[in-house]
C-alpha atoms as a PDB file:
ATOM      1  CA  MET A   1     156.234  79.444  56.784  1.00  0.00           C
ATOM      2  CA  VAL A   2     152.760  78.874  55.320  1.00  0.00           C
ATOM      3  CA  PHE A   3     149.687  80.746  56.396  1.00  0.00           C
ATOM      4  CA  PHE A   4     146.098  80.014  55.771  1.00  0.00           C
ATOM      5  CA  LEU A   5     143.462  82.730  55.808  1.00  0.00           C
ATOM      6  CA  THR A   6     139.877  81.668  56.572  1.00  0.00           C
ATOM      7  CA  ILE A   7     137.008  84.145  55.668  1.00  0.00           C
ATOM      8  CA  THR A   8     133.636  83.724  56.889  1.00  0.00           C
ATOM      9  CA  HIS A   9     130.529  85.422  55.580  1.00  0.00           C
ATOM     10  CA  LEU A  10     128.185  86.518  58.422  1.00  0.00           C
ATOM     11  CA  THR A  11     124.451  86.378  57.682  1.00  0.00           C
ATOM     12  CA  GLU A  12     121.373  86.875  59.791  1.00  0.00           C
ATOM     13  CA  THR A  13     120.887  84.360  62.588  1.00  0.00           C
ATOM     14  CA  ASP A  14     117.364  83.153  63.772  1.00  0.00           C
ATOM     15  CA  ARG A  15     117.569  85.927  66.342  1.00  0.00           C
ATOM     16  CA  HIS A  16     117.980  88.585  63.749  1.00  0.00           C
ATOM     17  CA  ALA A  17     114.271  89.978  63.876  1.00  0.00           C
ATOM     18  CA  VAL A  18     114.301  90.392  67.458  1.00  0.00           C
ATOM     19  CA  ILE A  19     117.738  92.070  67.803  1.00  0.00           C
ATOM     20  CA  ALA A  20     117.018  94.330  64.898  1.00  0.00           C
ATOM     21  CA  GLY A  21     113.883  95.353  66.592  1.00  0.00           C
ATOM     22  CA  GLU A  22     115.744  96.140  69.856  1.00  0.00           C
ATOM     23  CA  VAL A  23     118.447  98.189  68.073  1.00  0.00           C
ATOM     24  CA  PHE A  24     115.878 100.017  66.012  1.00  0.00           C
ATOM     25  CA  ASP A  25     113.747 100.908  69.012  1.00  0.00           C
ATOM     26  CA  LYS A  26     116.909 102.091  70.860  1.00  0.00           C
ATOM     27  CA  LEU A  27     118.073 104.007  67.915  1.00  0.00           C
ATOM     28  CA  GLY A  28     115.182 106.344  67.997  1.00  0.00           C
ATOM     29  CA  THR A  29     115.354 107.829  64.660  1.00  0.00           C
ATOM     30  CA  VAL A  30     113.858 107.090  61.176  1.00  0.00           C
ATOM     31  CA  LEU A  31     116.071 104.763  59.140  1.00  0.00           C
ATOM     32  CA  ALA A  32     116.548 106.037  55.639  1.00  0.00           C
ATOM     33  CA  GLY A  33     119.478 106.458  53.213  1.00  0.00           C
ATOM     34  CA  ASN A  34     122.920 104.991  54.186  1.00  0.00           C
ATOM     35  CA  LEU A  35     121.783 104.494  57.795  1.00  0.00           C
ATOM     36  CA  ILE A  36     119.565 101.614  56.753  1.00  0.00           C
ATOM     37  CA  HIS A  37     122.886  99.629  55.521  1.00  0.00           C
ATOM     38  CA  ASP A  38     124.862 100.811  58.617  1.00  0.00           C
ATOM     39  CA  ALA A  39     121.949  99.664  60.881  1.00  0.00           C
ATOM     40  CA  HIS A  40     121.839  96.240  59.139  1.00  0.00           C
ATOM     41  CA  THR A  41     125.658  95.843  59.721  1.00  0.00           C
ATOM     42  CA  ALA A  42     125.382  96.626  63.249  1.00  0.00           C
ATOM     43  CA  VAL A  43     122.656  94.482  64.054  1.00  0.00           C
ATOM     44  CA  ILE A  44     124.633  91.552  62.472  1.00  0.00           C
ATOM     45  CA  MET A  45     127.851  92.520  64.343  1.00  0.00           C
ATOM     46  CA  ARG A  46     125.738  92.391  67.535  1.00  0.00           C
ATOM     47  CA  GLU A  47     124.253  88.954  66.687  1.00  0.00           C
ATOM     48  CA  TYR A  48     127.763  87.779  66.438  1.00  0.00           C
ATOM     49  CA  GLY A  49     129.213  89.550  69.528  1.00  0.00           C
ATOM     50  CA  ILE A  50     131.528  91.777  67.462  1.00  0.00           C
ATOM     51  CA  ARG A  51     131.883  94.967  69.553  1.00  0.00           C
ATOM     52  CA  ARG A  52     134.433  96.981  67.534  1.00  0.00           C
ATOM     53  CA  ILE A  53     134.593  98.388  64.091  1.00  0.00           C
ATOM     54  CA  TYR A  54     137.288 100.392  62.285  1.00  0.00           C
ATOM     55  CA  THR A  55     135.501 102.920  59.997  1.00  0.00           C
ATOM     56  CA  ARG A  56     135.442 106.529  58.844  1.00  0.00           C
ATOM     57  CA  ASP A  57     131.549 106.354  58.857  1.00  0.00           C
ATOM     58  CA  ALA A  58     130.385 108.506  61.728  1.00  0.00           C
ATOM     59  CA  ASP A  59     126.999 106.871  61.656  1.00  0.00           C
ATOM     60  CA  PHE A  60     128.203 103.871  63.677  1.00  0.00           C
ATOM     61  CA  TYR A  61     128.528 106.065  66.664  1.00  0.00           C
ATOM     62  CA  ARG A  62     124.855 106.057  66.881  1.00  0.00           C
ATOM     63  CA  PHE A  63     125.165 102.350  68.057  1.00  0.00           C
ATOM     64  CA  ASP A  64     126.103 102.338  71.720  1.00  0.00           C
ATOM     65  CA  PHE A  65     126.931  98.724  71.738  1.00  0.00           C
ATOM     66  CA  LEU A  66     129.958  99.402  69.305  1.00  0.00           C
ATOM     67  CA  GLU A  67     133.333 100.690  69.836  1.00  0.00           C
ATOM     68  CA  VAL A  68     134.022 102.832  66.839  1.00  0.00           C
ATOM     69  CA  ILE A  69     137.555 103.462  65.885  1.00  0.00           C
ATOM     70  CA  ASP A  70     138.571 105.973  63.118  1.00  0.00           C
ATOM     71  CA  PRO A  71     141.712 104.595  61.655  1.00  0.00           C
ATOM     72  CA  LEU A  72     142.773 107.982  60.398  1.00  0.00           C
ATOM     73  CA  LEU A  73     142.486 109.786  63.755  1.00  0.00           C
ATOM     74  CA  PRO A  74     145.338 109.837  66.376  1.00  0.00           C
ATOM     75  CA  ALA A  75     144.911 106.875  68.988  1.00  0.00           C
ATOM     76  CA  GLY A  76     142.334 107.478  71.667  1.00  0.00           C
ATOM     77  CA  LYS A  77     140.754 110.433  69.767  1.00  0.00           C
ATOM     78  CA  ARG A  78     137.078 110.137  69.114  1.00  0.00           C
ATOM     79  CA  TRP A  79     135.076 111.864  66.284  1.00  0.00           C
ATOM     80  CA  SER A  80     133.004 114.559  67.043  1.00  0.00           C
ATOM     81  CA  PRO A  81     130.466 116.470  64.964  1.00  0.00           C
ATOM     82  CA  SER A  82     131.615 119.863  63.865  1.00  0.00           C
END
């Protein structure tokens, strides 16, 4: 049996600036540090209709359009700040 793997690099679309503005406005916080990269990733995910991310990075919970799954937590359990 032969399997072929296709990898696609997602880049900004022509809607990027508009979607980024909407996401940043709704975020309601100053973008600094690692949150800048996370916000950029979230915006690109939204552009492509990707709604789920598997990550240990709690910053992604800030984006209400994403379903964040922590792969190290038991199924169905959601991260909460201490």
